[in-house]
Amino acid sequence: MKVRSILASALLVLLVAAVADGLQKKKDEDAGTRSVQGVVRDLNDNGAEGAVVQLKNTKTLQVRSFITQQDGNYQFQGLSTSVDYELKADHGGLTSASKRLSAFDSRTKAVINLKLEKK
């Protein structure tokens, strides 16, 4: 009976430690991420609905895309704070200049607006 009690207590301690470790790792992961959002504007300075915004990870060259909403807004979340990213937008034969979100930029919620221009 005493052995069972000791084993149960030991298992409980291990379980609590594992849960606490998992929560700490999740907190550390969240601390290492950031987001970027902005508005894509057309030639008349209106929000460009349906523009394709591409976000390129300059380390892995992975590209993520977002199609802008009615008001031209876009957003990307879960981005690494230790990587540079390049952003650009395309819509109806127009393209924006490429903009960079640097690893040295300490903002966790960066705002980068893009302006469409003739190619």
PDB file of N, CA and C in Angstrom:
ATOM      1  N   MET A   1       0.824  -1.183   0.000  1.00  0.00           N
ATOM      2  CA  MET A   1       0.000   0.000   0.000  1.00  0.00           C
ATOM      3  C   MET A   1       0.876   1.257   0.000  1.00  0.00           C
ATOM      4  N   LYS A   2       1.930   1.235   0.819  1.00  0.00           N
ATOM      5  CA  LYS A   2       2.822   2.376   0.902  1.00  0.00           C
ATOM      6  C   LYS A   2       3.567   2.569  -0.420  1.00  0.00           C
ATOM      7  N   VAL A   3       3.933   1.476  -1.083  1.00  0.00           N
ATOM      8  CA  VAL A   3       4.639   1.532  -2.362  1.00  0.00           C
ATOM      9  C   VAL A   3       3.735   2.156  -3.427  1.00  0.00           C
ATOM     10  N   ARG A   4       2.464   1.778  -3.416  1.00  0.00           N
ATOM     11  CA  ARG A   4       1.500   2.348  -4.364  1.00  0.00           C
ATOM     12  C   ARG A   4       1.373   3.856  -4.173  1.00  0.00           C
ATOM     13  N   SER A   5       1.329   4.279  -2.950  1.00  0.00           N
ATOM     14  CA  SER A   5       1.205   5.702  -2.645  1.00  0.00           C
ATOM     15  C   SER A   5       2.429   6.470  -3.137  1.00  0.00           C
ATOM     16  N   ILE A   6       3.601   5.892  -2.942  1.00  0.00           N
ATOM     17  CA  ILE A   6       4.835   6.530  -3.395  1.00  0.00           C
ATOM     18  C   ILE A   6       4.864   6.592  -4.921  1.00  0.00           C
ATOM     19  N   LEU A   7       4.476   5.495  -5.580  1.00  0.00           N
ATOM     20  CA  LEU A   7       4.446   5.468  -7.044  1.00  0.00           C
ATOM     21  C   LEU A   7       3.440   6.478  -7.594  1.00  0.00           C
ATOM     22  N   ALA A   8       2.281   6.549  -6.982  1.00  0.00           N
ATOM     23  CA  ALA A   8       1.259   7.506  -7.420  1.00  0.00           C
ATOM     24  C   ALA A   8       1.766   8.937  -7.262  1.00  0.00           C
ATOM     25  N   SER A   9       2.422   9.218  -6.151  1.00  0.00           N
ATOM     26  CA  SER A   9       2.971  10.557  -5.925  1.00  0.00           C
ATOM     27  C   SER A   9       4.057  10.882  -6.951  1.00  0.00           C
ATOM     28  N   ALA A  10       4.911   9.907  -7.234  1.00  0.00           N
ATOM     29  CA  ALA A  10       5.985  10.112  -8.206  1.00  0.00           C
ATOM     30  C   ALA A  10       5.410  10.369  -9.597  1.00  0.00           C
ATOM     31  N   LEU A  11       4.381   9.614  -9.975  1.00  0.00           N
ATOM     32  CA  LEU A  11       3.745   9.821 -11.272  1.00  0.00           C
ATOM     33  C   LEU A  11       3.086  11.194 -11.359  1.00  0.00           C
ATOM     34  N   LEU A  12       2.472  11.611 -10.279  1.00  0.00           N
ATOM     35  CA  LEU A  12       1.836  12.922 -10.241  1.00  0.00           C
ATOM     36  C   LEU A  12       2.871  14.036 -10.410  1.00  0.00           C
ATOM     37  N   VAL A  13       4.004  13.898  -9.738  1.00  0.00           N
ATOM     38  CA  VAL A  13       5.074  14.893  -9.859  1.00  0.00           C
ATOM     39  C   VAL A  13       5.596  14.938 -11.296  1.00  0.00           C
ATOM     40  N   LEU A  14       5.795  13.771 -11.911  1.00  0.00           N
ATOM     41  CA  LEU A  14       6.267  13.719 -13.295  1.00  0.00           C
ATOM     42  C   LEU A  14       5.258  14.345 -14.253  1.00  0.00           C
ATOM     43  N   LEU A  15       3.990  14.083 -14.023  1.00  0.00           N
ATOM     44  CA  LEU A  15       2.938  14.640 -14.865  1.00  0.00           C
ATOM     45  C   LEU A  15       2.907  16.164 -14.768  1.00  0.00           C
ATOM     46  N   VAL A  16       2.971  16.673 -13.559  1.00  0.00           N
ATOM     47  CA  VAL A  16       2.969  18.123 -13.355  1.00  0.00           C
ATOM     48  C   VAL A  16       4.204  18.748 -14.007  1.00  0.00           C
ATOM     49  N   ALA A  17       5.355  18.105 -13.872  1.00  0.00           N
ATOM     50  CA  ALA A  17       6.585  18.624 -14.478  1.00  0.00           C
ATOM     51  C   ALA A  17       6.484  18.626 -16.002  1.00  0.00           C
ATOM     52  N   ALA A  18       5.911  17.579 -16.576  1.00  0.00           N
ATOM     53  CA  ALA A  18       5.764  17.501 -18.034  1.00  0.00           C
ATOM     54  C   ALA A  18       4.823  18.586 -18.548  1.00  0.00           C
ATOM     55  N   VAL A  19       3.724  18.808 -17.857  1.00  0.00           N
ATOM     56  CA  VAL A  19       2.776  19.853 -18.258  1.00  0.00           C
ATOM     57  C   VAL A  19       3.430  21.229 -18.151  1.00  0.00           C
ATOM     58  N   ALA A  20       4.140  21.473 -17.070  1.00  0.00           N
ATOM     59  CA  ALA A  20       4.813  22.763 -16.885  1.00  0.00           C
ATOM     60  C   ALA A  20       5.862  22.986 -17.971  1.00  0.00           C
ATOM     61  N   ASP A  21       6.598  21.944 -18.332  1.00  0.00           N
ATOM     62  CA  ASP A  21       7.604  22.040 -19.384  1.00  0.00           C
ATOM     63  C   ASP A  21       6.946  22.352 -20.728  1.00  0.00           C
ATOM     64  N   GLY A  22       5.833  21.698 -21.011  1.00  0.00           N
ATOM     65  CA  GLY A  22       5.099  21.954 -22.250  1.00  0.00           C
ATOM     66  C   GLY A  22       4.595  23.377 -22.331  1.00  0.00           C
ATOM     67  N   LEU A  23       4.085  23.899 -21.229  1.00  0.00           N
ATOM     68  CA  LEU A  23       3.607  25.281 -21.203  1.00  0.00           C
ATOM     69  C   LEU A  23       4.754  26.262 -21.402  1.00  0.00           C
ATOM     70  N   GLN A  24       5.905  25.980 -20.819  1.00  0.00           N
ATOM     71  CA  GLN A  24       7.066  26.853 -20.978  1.00  0.00           C
ATOM     72  C   GLN A  24       7.545  26.853 -22.426  1.00  0.00           C
ATOM     73  N   LYS A  25       7.566  25.672 -23.066  1.00  0.00           N
ATOM     74  CA  LYS A  25       7.981  25.598 -24.465  1.00  0.00           C
ATOM     75  C   LYS A  25       7.030  26.389 -25.346  1.00  0.00           C
ATOM     76  N   LYS A  26       5.727  26.289 -25.091  1.00  0.00           N
ATOM     77  CA  LYS A  26       4.736  27.041 -25.858  1.00  0.00           C
ATOM     78  C   LYS A  26       4.966  28.541 -25.682  1.00  0.00           C
ATOM     79  N   LYS A  27       5.257  28.955 -24.465  1.00  0.00           N
ATOM     80  CA  LYS A  27       5.513  30.369 -24.189  1.00  0.00           C
ATOM     81  C   LYS A  27       6.765  30.825 -24.932  1.00  0.00           C
ATOM     82  N   ASP A  28       7.809  29.996 -24.948  1.00  0.00           N
ATOM     83  CA  ASP A  28       9.046  30.326 -25.645  1.00  0.00           C
ATOM     84  C   ASP A  28       8.813  30.413 -27.154  1.00  0.00           C
ATOM     85  N   GLU A  29       7.984  29.513 -27.706  1.00  0.00           N
ATOM     86  CA  GLU A  29       7.679  29.543 -29.129  1.00  0.00           C
ATOM     87  C   GLU A  29       6.953  30.838 -29.488  1.00  0.00           C
ATOM     88  N   ASP A  30       5.982  31.213 -28.679  1.00  0.00           N
ATOM     89  CA  ASP A  30       5.235  32.443 -28.931  1.00  0.00           C
ATOM     90  C   ASP A  30       6.151  33.656 -28.849  1.00  0.00           C
ATOM     91  N   ALA A  31       7.128  33.611 -27.952  1.00  0.00           N
ATOM     92  CA  ALA A  31       8.055  34.727 -27.792  1.00  0.00           C
ATOM     93  C   ALA A  31       8.950  34.865 -29.017  1.00  0.00           C
ATOM     94  N   GLY A  32       9.163  33.798 -29.763  1.00  0.00           N
ATOM     95  CA  GLY A  32      10.026  33.820 -30.935  1.00  0.00           C
ATOM     96  C   GLY A  32       9.286  34.048 -32.236  1.00  0.00           C
ATOM     97  N   THR A  33       8.031  34.487 -32.175  1.00  0.00           N
ATOM     98  CA  THR A  33       7.273  34.720 -33.397  1.00  0.00           C
ATOM     99  C   THR A  33       6.786  36.160 -33.475  1.00  0.00           C
ATOM    100  N   ARG A  34       6.429  36.532 -34.678  1.00  0.00           N
ATOM    101  CA  ARG A  34       5.881  37.866 -34.917  1.00  0.00           C
ATOM    102  C   ARG A  34       4.903  37.791 -36.080  1.00  0.00           C
ATOM    103  N   SER A  35       4.285  38.902 -36.378  1.00  0.00           N
ATOM    104  CA  SER A  35       3.347  38.960 -37.493  1.00  0.00           C
ATOM    105  C   SER A  35       3.616  40.222 -38.304  1.00  0.00           C
ATOM    106  N   VAL A  36       3.110  40.210 -39.525  1.00  0.00           N
ATOM    107  CA  VAL A  36       3.173  41.400 -40.370  1.00  0.00           C
ATOM    108  C   VAL A  36       1.811  41.568 -41.025  1.00  0.00           C
ATOM    109  N   GLN A  37       1.392  42.803 -41.121  1.00  0.00           N
ATOM    110  CA  GLN A  37       0.114  43.109 -41.763  1.00  0.00           C
ATOM    111  C   GLN A  37       0.240  44.445 -42.469  1.00  0.00           C
ATOM    112  N   GLY A  38      -0.731  44.723 -43.316  1.00  0.00           N
ATOM    113  CA  GLY A  38      -0.705  45.996 -44.017  1.00  0.00           C
ATOM    114  C   GLY A  38      -1.838  46.089 -45.008  1.00  0.00           C
ATOM    115  N   VAL A  39      -1.759  47.117 -45.838  1.00  0.00           N
ATOM    116  CA  VAL A  39      -2.765  47.373 -46.863  1.00  0.00           C
ATOM    117  C   VAL A  39      -2.062  47.478 -48.208  1.00  0.00           C
ATOM    118  N   VAL A  40      -2.642  46.827 -49.215  1.00  0.00           N
ATOM    119  CA  VAL A  40      -2.164  46.973 -50.583  1.00  0.00           C
ATOM    120  C   VAL A  40      -3.033  48.046 -51.241  1.00  0.00           C
ATOM    121  N   ARG A  41      -2.392  49.085 -51.778  1.00  0.00           N
ATOM    122  CA  ARG A  41      -3.115  50.202 -52.400  1.00  0.00           C
ATOM    123  C   ARG A  41      -2.873  50.209 -53.912  1.00  0.00           C
ATOM    124  N   ASP A  42      -3.935  50.553 -54.657  1.00  0.00           N
ATOM    125  CA  ASP A  42      -3.825  50.620 -56.114  1.00  0.00           C
ATOM    126  C   ASP A  42      -3.320  51.996 -56.550  1.00  0.00           C
ATOM    127  N   LEU A  43      -3.354  52.260 -57.854  1.00  0.00           N
ATOM    128  CA  LEU A  43      -2.847  53.531 -58.387  1.00  0.00           C
ATOM    129  C   LEU A  43      -3.604  54.742 -57.857  1.00  0.00           C
ATOM    130  N   ASN A  44      -4.881  54.546 -57.482  1.00  0.00           N
ATOM    131  CA  ASN A  44      -5.710  55.640 -56.964  1.00  0.00           C
ATOM    132  C   ASN A  44      -5.709  55.706 -55.442  1.00  0.00           C
ATOM    133  N   ASP A  45      -4.819  54.970 -54.809  1.00  0.00           N
ATOM    134  CA  ASP A  45      -4.704  54.909 -53.345  1.00  0.00           C
ATOM    135  C   ASP A  45      -5.882  54.230 -52.658  1.00  0.00           C
ATOM    136  N   ASN A  46      -6.633  53.430 -53.402  1.00  0.00           N
ATOM    137  CA  ASN A  46      -7.717  52.639 -52.812  1.00  0.00           C
ATOM    138  C   ASN A  46      -7.166  51.276 -52.413  1.00  0.00           C
ATOM    139  N   GLY A  47      -7.811  50.630 -51.434  1.00  0.00           N
ATOM    140  CA  GLY A  47      -7.432  49.272 -51.072  1.00  0.00           C
ATOM    141  C   GLY A  47      -7.676  48.340 -52.243  1.00  0.00           C
ATOM    142  N   ALA A  48      -6.701  47.504 -52.564  1.00  0.00           N
ATOM    143  CA  ALA A  48      -6.781  46.624 -53.732  1.00  0.00           C
ATOM    144  C   ALA A  48      -7.309  45.253 -53.332  1.00  0.00           C
ATOM    145  N   GLU A  49      -8.604  45.031 -53.522  1.00  0.00           N
ATOM    146  CA  GLU A  49      -9.207  43.728 -53.213  1.00  0.00           C
ATOM    147  C   GLU A  49      -8.722  42.692 -54.222  1.00  0.00           C
ATOM    148  N   GLY A  50      -8.352  41.513 -53.731  1.00  0.00           N
ATOM    149  CA  GLY A  50      -7.939  40.415 -54.593  1.00  0.00           C
ATOM    150  C   GLY A  50      -6.480  40.447 -55.013  1.00  0.00           C
ATOM    151  N   ALA A  51      -5.702  41.373 -54.479  1.00  0.00           N
ATOM    152  CA  ALA A  51      -4.268  41.395 -54.785  1.00  0.00           C
ATOM    153  C   ALA A  51      -3.596  40.203 -54.104  1.00  0.00           C
ATOM    154  N   VAL A  52      -2.581  39.668 -54.740  1.00  0.00           N
ATOM    155  CA  VAL A  52      -1.838  38.541 -54.171  1.00  0.00           C
ATOM    156  C   VAL A  52      -0.567  39.078 -53.523  1.00  0.00           C
ATOM    157  N   VAL A  53      -0.475  38.910 -52.204  1.00  0.00           N
ATOM    158  CA  VAL A  53       0.712  39.328 -51.459  1.00  0.00           C
ATOM    159  C   VAL A  53       1.562  38.088 -51.222  1.00  0.00           C
ATOM    160  N   GLN A  54       2.836  38.169 -51.589  1.00  0.00           N
ATOM    161  CA  GLN A  54       3.757  37.055 -51.380  1.00  0.00           C
ATOM    162  C   GLN A  54       4.773  37.437 -50.316  1.00  0.00           C
ATOM    163  N   LEU A  55       4.974  36.507 -49.392  1.00  0.00           N
ATOM    164  CA  LEU A  55       5.939  36.669 -48.305  1.00  0.00           C
ATOM    165  C   LEU A  55       7.000  35.594 -48.490  1.00  0.00           C
ATOM    166  N   LYS A  56       8.252  36.009 -48.728  1.00  0.00           N
ATOM    167  CA  LYS A  56       9.331  35.038 -48.953  1.00  0.00           C
ATOM    168  C   LYS A  56      10.280  35.024 -47.770  1.00  0.00           C
ATOM    169  N   ASN A  57      10.483  33.836 -47.204  1.00  0.00           N
ATOM    170  CA  ASN A  57      11.473  33.605 -46.164  1.00  0.00           C
ATOM    171  C   ASN A  57      12.830  33.579 -46.866  1.00  0.00           C
ATOM    172  N   THR A  58      13.703  34.545 -46.569  1.00  0.00           N
ATOM    173  CA  THR A  58      14.973  34.637 -47.284  1.00  0.00           C
ATOM    174  C   THR A  58      15.978  33.565 -46.871  1.00  0.00           C
ATOM    175  N   LYS A  59      15.685  32.855 -45.803  1.00  0.00           N
ATOM    176  CA  LYS A  59      16.577  31.780 -45.347  1.00  0.00           C
ATOM    177  C   LYS A  59      16.249  30.468 -46.057  1.00  0.00           C
ATOM    178  N   THR A  60      14.958  30.116 -46.113  1.00  0.00           N
ATOM    179  CA  THR A  60      14.543  28.844 -46.714  1.00  0.00           C
ATOM    180  C   THR A  60      14.002  29.017 -48.129  1.00  0.00           C
ATOM    181  N   LEU A  61      13.736  30.255 -48.531  1.00  0.00           N
ATOM    182  CA  LEU A  61      13.129  30.609 -49.816  1.00  0.00           C
ATOM    183  C   LEU A  61      11.679  30.137 -49.937  1.00  0.00           C
ATOM    184  N   GLN A  62      11.080  29.720 -48.831  1.00  0.00           N
ATOM    185  CA  GLN A  62       9.666  29.338 -48.825  1.00  0.00           C
ATOM    186  C   GLN A  62       8.822  30.593 -49.051  1.00  0.00           C
ATOM    187  N   VAL A  63       7.787  30.469 -49.888  1.00  0.00           N
ATOM    188  CA  VAL A  63       6.905  31.593 -50.190  1.00  0.00           C
ATOM    189  C   VAL A  63       5.496  31.272 -49.711  1.00  0.00           C
ATOM    190  N   ARG A  64       4.920  32.210 -48.966  1.00  0.00           N
ATOM    191  CA  ARG A  64       3.526  32.115 -48.528  1.00  0.00           C
ATOM    192  C   ARG A  64       2.746  33.213 -49.234  1.00  0.00           C
ATOM    193  N   SER A  65       1.482  32.936 -49.544  1.00  0.00           N
ATOM    194  CA  SER A  65       0.653  33.909 -50.254  1.00  0.00           C
ATOM    195  C   SER A  65      -0.597  34.234 -49.470  1.00  0.00           C
ATOM    196  N   PHE A  66      -1.113  35.439 -49.696  1.00  0.00           N
ATOM    197  CA  PHE A  66      -2.357  35.888 -49.077  1.00  0.00           C
ATOM    198  C   PHE A  66      -3.092  36.719 -50.120  1.00  0.00           C
ATOM    199  N   ILE A  67      -4.375  36.450 -50.319  1.00  0.00           N
ATOM    200  CA  ILE A  67      -5.199  37.246 -51.219  1.00  0.00           C
ATOM    201  C   ILE A  67      -5.908  38.294 -50.376  1.00  0.00           C
ATOM    202  N   THR A  68      -5.715  39.558 -50.737  1.00  0.00           N
ATOM    203  CA  THR A  68      -6.228  40.646 -49.909  1.00  0.00           C
ATOM    204  C   THR A  68      -7.751  40.647 -49.836  1.00  0.00           C
ATOM    205  N   GLN A  69      -8.228  41.165 -48.733  1.00  0.00           N
ATOM    206  CA  GLN A  69      -9.658  41.275 -48.489  1.00  0.00           C
ATOM    207  C   GLN A  69     -10.206  42.503 -49.211  1.00  0.00           C
ATOM    208  N   GLN A  70     -11.487  42.775 -49.019  1.00  0.00           N
ATOM    209  CA  GLN A  70     -12.177  43.859 -49.718  1.00  0.00           C
ATOM    210  C   GLN A  70     -11.471  45.207 -49.567  1.00  0.00           C
ATOM    211  N   ASP A  71     -10.934  45.462 -48.403  1.00  0.00           N
ATOM    212  CA  ASP A  71     -10.284  46.750 -48.145  1.00  0.00           C
ATOM    213  C   ASP A  71      -8.782  46.746 -48.444  1.00  0.00           C
ATOM    214  N   GLY A  72      -8.278  45.661 -49.034  1.00  0.00           N
ATOM    215  CA  GLY A  72      -6.867  45.573 -49.387  1.00  0.00           C
ATOM    216  C   GLY A  72      -5.964  45.091 -48.268  1.00  0.00           C
ATOM    217  N   ASN A  73      -6.552  44.688 -47.136  1.00  0.00           N
ATOM    218  CA  ASN A  73      -5.755  44.235 -45.991  1.00  0.00           C
ATOM    219  C   ASN A  73      -5.190  42.837 -46.211  1.00  0.00           C
ATOM    220  N   TYR A  74      -4.006  42.618 -45.659  1.00  0.00           N
ATOM    221  CA  TYR A  74      -3.391  41.289 -45.634  1.00  0.00           C
ATOM    222  C   TYR A  74      -2.734  41.096 -44.279  1.00  0.00           C
ATOM    223  N   GLN A  75      -2.428  39.831 -43.942  1.00  0.00           N
ATOM    224  CA  GLN A  75      -1.702  39.541 -42.708  1.00  0.00           C
ATOM    225  C   GLN A  75      -1.034  38.176 -42.790  1.00  0.00           C
ATOM    226  N   PHE A  76       0.119  38.075 -42.164  1.00  0.00           N
ATOM    227  CA  PHE A  76       0.838  36.816 -42.009  1.00  0.00           C
ATOM    228  C   PHE A  76       1.217  36.705 -40.537  1.00  0.00           C
ATOM    229  N   GLN A  77       0.994  35.521 -39.962  1.00  0.00           N
ATOM    230  CA  GLN A  77       1.294  35.313 -38.545  1.00  0.00           C
ATOM    231  C   GLN A  77       2.254  34.145 -38.374  1.00  0.00           C
ATOM    232  N   GLY A  78       2.810  34.023 -37.168  1.00  0.00           N
ATOM    233  CA  GLY A  78       3.700  32.912 -36.849  1.00  0.00           C
ATOM    234  C   GLY A  78       5.046  32.999 -37.539  1.00  0.00           C
ATOM    235  N   LEU A  79       5.528  34.210 -37.768  1.00  0.00           N
ATOM    236  CA  LEU A  79       6.807  34.402 -38.447  1.00  0.00           C
ATOM    237  C   LEU A  79       7.955  34.385 -37.449  1.00  0.00           C
ATOM    238  N   SER A  80       9.058  33.801 -37.853  1.00  0.00           N
ATOM    239  CA  SER A  80      10.241  33.742 -36.996  1.00  0.00           C
ATOM    240  C   SER A  80      10.841  35.133 -36.820  1.00  0.00           C
ATOM    241  N   THR A  81      11.317  35.415 -35.629  1.00  0.00           N
ATOM    242  CA  THR A  81      11.972  36.701 -35.368  1.00  0.00           C
ATOM    243  C   THR A  81      13.429  36.699 -35.822  1.00  0.00           C
ATOM    244  N   SER A  82      13.957  35.538 -36.184  1.00  0.00           N
ATOM    245  CA  SER A  82      15.370  35.444 -36.556  1.00  0.00           C
ATOM    246  C   SER A  82      15.582  35.328 -38.068  1.00  0.00           C
ATOM    247  N   VAL A  83      14.563  35.640 -38.848  1.00  0.00           N
ATOM    248  CA  VAL A  83      14.639  35.501 -40.302  1.00  0.00           C
ATOM    249  C   VAL A  83      14.196  36.807 -40.958  1.00  0.00           C
ATOM    250  N   ASP A  84      14.845  37.158 -42.077  1.00  0.00           N
ATOM    251  CA  ASP A  84      14.381  38.274 -42.904  1.00  0.00           C
ATOM    252  C   ASP A  84      13.299  37.760 -43.852  1.00  0.00           C
ATOM    253  N   TYR A  85      12.332  38.611 -44.144  1.00  0.00           N
ATOM    254  CA  TYR A  85      11.257  38.275 -45.074  1.00  0.00           C
ATOM    255  C   TYR A  85      11.158  39.367 -46.130  1.00  0.00           C
ATOM    256  N   GLU A  86      10.802  38.972 -47.351  1.00  0.00           N
ATOM    257  CA  GLU A  86      10.535  39.928 -48.422  1.00  0.00           C
ATOM    258  C   GLU A  86       9.059  39.865 -48.773  1.00  0.00           C
ATOM    259  N   LEU A  87       8.449  41.031 -48.939  1.00  0.00           N
ATOM    260  CA  LEU A  87       7.029  41.144 -49.272  1.00  0.00           C
ATOM    261  C   LEU A  87       6.866  41.858 -50.603  1.00  0.00           C
ATOM    262  N   LYS A  88       5.914  41.392 -51.406  1.00  0.00           N
ATOM    263  CA  LYS A  88       5.530  42.109 -52.615  1.00  0.00           C
ATOM    264  C   LYS A  88       4.105  41.727 -52.961  1.00  0.00           C
ATOM    265  N   ALA A  89       3.458  42.579 -53.760  1.00  0.00           N
ATOM    266  CA  ALA A  89       2.070  42.341 -54.146  1.00  0.00           C
ATOM    267  C   ALA A  89       1.926  42.471 -55.656  1.00  0.00           C
ATOM    268  N   ASP A  90       0.989  41.695 -56.212  1.00  0.00           N
ATOM    269  CA  ASP A  90       0.653  41.748 -57.633  1.00  0.00           C
ATOM    270  C   ASP A  90      -0.862  41.772 -57.770  1.00  0.00           C
ATOM    271  N   HIS A  91      -1.338  42.536 -58.781  1.00  0.00           N
ATOM    272  CA  HIS A  91      -2.782  42.578 -59.028  1.00  0.00           C
ATOM    273  C   HIS A  91      -3.040  43.223 -60.388  1.00  0.00           C
ATOM    274  N   GLY A  92      -3.713  42.503 -61.253  1.00  0.00           N
ATOM    275  CA  GLY A  92      -4.148  43.056 -62.535  1.00  0.00           C
ATOM    276  C   GLY A  92      -3.057  43.718 -63.355  1.00  0.00           C
ATOM    277  N   GLY A  93      -1.905  43.097 -63.459  1.00  0.00           N
ATOM    278  CA  GLY A  93      -0.813  43.658 -64.243  1.00  0.00           C
ATOM    279  C   GLY A  93       0.021  44.695 -63.513  1.00  0.00           C
ATOM    280  N   LEU A  94      -0.339  44.992 -62.282  1.00  0.00           N
ATOM    281  CA  LEU A  94       0.424  45.931 -61.461  1.00  0.00           C
ATOM    282  C   LEU A  94       1.219  45.152 -60.425  1.00  0.00           C
ATOM    283  N   THR A  95       2.323  45.723 -59.984  1.00  0.00           N
ATOM    284  CA  THR A  95       3.132  45.081 -58.944  1.00  0.00           C
ATOM    285  C   THR A  95       3.665  46.151 -57.986  1.00  0.00           C
ATOM    286  N   SER A  96       3.981  45.734 -56.789  1.00  0.00           N
ATOM    287  CA  SER A  96       4.558  46.668 -55.811  1.00  0.00           C
ATOM    288  C   SER A  96       6.067  46.484 -55.766  1.00  0.00           C
ATOM    289  N   ALA A  97       6.729  47.468 -55.225  1.00  0.00           N
ATOM    290  CA  ALA A  97       8.150  47.312 -54.930  1.00  0.00           C
ATOM    291  C   ALA A  97       8.281  46.267 -53.823  1.00  0.00           C
ATOM    292  N   SER A  98       9.380  45.548 -53.824  1.00  0.00           N
ATOM    293  CA  SER A  98       9.636  44.562 -52.777  1.00  0.00           C
ATOM    294  C   SER A  98      10.055  45.291 -51.501  1.00  0.00           C
ATOM    295  N   LYS A  99       9.478  44.885 -50.390  1.00  0.00           N
ATOM    296  CA  LYS A  99       9.849  45.468 -49.092  1.00  0.00           C
ATOM    297  C   LYS A  99      10.352  44.357 -48.185  1.00  0.00           C
ATOM    298  N   ARG A 100      11.231  44.717 -47.249  1.00  0.00           N
ATOM    299  CA  ARG A 100      11.875  43.728 -46.380  1.00  0.00           C
ATOM    300  C   ARG A 100      11.467  43.929 -44.926  1.00  0.00           C
ATOM    301  N   LEU A 101      11.166  42.804 -44.277  1.00  0.00           N
ATOM    302  CA  LEU A 101      10.975  42.771 -42.826  1.00  0.00           C
ATOM    303  C   LEU A 101      12.230  42.117 -42.264  1.00  0.00           C
ATOM    304  N   SER A 102      13.063  42.908 -41.621  1.00  0.00           N
ATOM    305  CA  SER A 102      14.374  42.458 -41.163  1.00  0.00           C
ATOM    306  C   SER A 102      14.299  41.728 -39.827  1.00  0.00           C
ATOM    307  N   ALA A 103      15.217  40.803 -39.630  1.00  0.00           N
ATOM    308  CA  ALA A 103      15.343  40.117 -38.341  1.00  0.00           C
ATOM    309  C   ALA A 103      15.748  41.109 -37.252  1.00  0.00           C
ATOM    310  N   PHE A 104      16.329  42.234 -37.635  1.00  0.00           N
ATOM    311  CA  PHE A 104      16.727  43.255 -36.665  1.00  0.00           C
ATOM    312  C   PHE A 104      15.565  44.154 -36.251  1.00  0.00           C
ATOM    313  N   ASP A 105      14.453  44.035 -36.955  1.00  0.00           N
ATOM    314  CA  ASP A 105      13.243  44.797 -36.616  1.00  0.00           C
ATOM    315  C   ASP A 105      12.606  44.131 -35.404  1.00  0.00           C
ATOM    316  N   SER A 106      12.540  44.820 -34.289  1.00  0.00           N
ATOM    317  CA  SER A 106      12.090  44.210 -33.032  1.00  0.00           C
ATOM    318  C   SER A 106      10.573  44.202 -32.852  1.00  0.00           C
ATOM    319  N   ARG A 107       9.834  44.769 -33.798  1.00  0.00           N
ATOM    320  CA  ARG A 107       8.369  44.792 -33.668  1.00  0.00           C
ATOM    321  C   ARG A 107       7.804  43.377 -33.762  1.00  0.00           C
ATOM    322  N   THR A 108       6.887  43.038 -32.863  1.00  0.00           N
ATOM    323  CA  THR A 108       6.226  41.735 -32.947  1.00  0.00           C
ATOM    324  C   THR A 108       4.997  41.799 -33.844  1.00  0.00           C
ATOM    325  N   LYS A 109       4.494  43.018 -34.095  1.00  0.00           N
ATOM    326  CA  LYS A 109       3.360  43.225 -35.004  1.00  0.00           C
ATOM    327  C   LYS A 109       3.737  44.336 -35.980  1.00  0.00           C
ATOM    328  N   ALA A 110       4.476  43.961 -37.007  1.00  0.00           N
ATOM    329  CA  ALA A 110       4.947  44.942 -37.982  1.00  0.00           C
ATOM    330  C   ALA A 110       3.829  45.318 -38.950  1.00  0.00           C
ATOM    331  N   VAL A 111       3.859  46.554 -39.409  1.00  0.00           N
ATOM    332  CA  VAL A 111       2.912  47.037 -40.418  1.00  0.00           C
ATOM    333  C   VAL A 111       3.716  47.491 -41.628  1.00  0.00           C
ATOM    334  N   ILE A 112       3.468  46.835 -42.770  1.00  0.00           N
ATOM    335  CA  ILE A 112       4.140  47.191 -44.016  1.00  0.00           C
ATOM    336  C   ILE A 112       3.075  47.326 -45.098  1.00  0.00           C
ATOM    337  N   ASN A 113       2.861  48.545 -45.567  1.00  0.00           N
ATOM    338  CA  ASN A 113       1.895  48.803 -46.630  1.00  0.00           C
ATOM    339  C   ASN A 113       2.594  48.712 -47.978  1.00  0.00           C
ATOM    340  N   LEU A 114       1.863  48.248 -48.982  1.00  0.00           N
ATOM    341  CA  LEU A 114       2.417  48.059 -50.317  1.00  0.00           C
ATOM    342  C   LEU A 114       1.618  48.885 -51.322  1.00  0.00           C
ATOM    343  N   LYS A 115       2.309  49.524 -52.263  1.00  0.00           N
ATOM    344  CA  LYS A 115       1.674  50.365 -53.282  1.00  0.00           C
ATOM    345  C   LYS A 115       1.885  49.727 -54.649  1.00  0.00           C
ATOM    346  N   LEU A 116       0.782  49.427 -55.346  1.00  0.00           N
ATOM    347  CA  LEU A 116       0.864  48.845 -56.680  1.00  0.00           C
ATOM    348  C   LEU A 116       1.251  49.915 -57.694  1.00  0.00           C
ATOM    349  N   GLU A 117       2.128  49.524 -58.635  1.00  0.00           N
ATOM    350  CA  GLU A 117       2.592  50.429 -59.680  1.00  0.00           C
ATOM    351  C   GLU A 117       2.644  49.680 -60.998  1.00  0.00           C
ATOM    352  N   LYS A 118       2.727  50.420 -62.085  1.00  0.00           N
ATOM    353  CA  LYS A 118       2.879  49.789 -63.394  1.00  0.00           C
ATOM    354  C   LYS A 118       4.261  49.158 -63.464  1.00  0.00           C
ATOM    355  N   LYS A 119       4.321  47.997 -64.104  1.00  0.00           N
ATOM    356  CA  LYS A 119       5.600  47.284 -64.214  1.00  0.00           C
ATOM    357  C   LYS A 119       6.572  48.021 -65.101  1.00  0.00           C
TER     358      LYS A 119
END
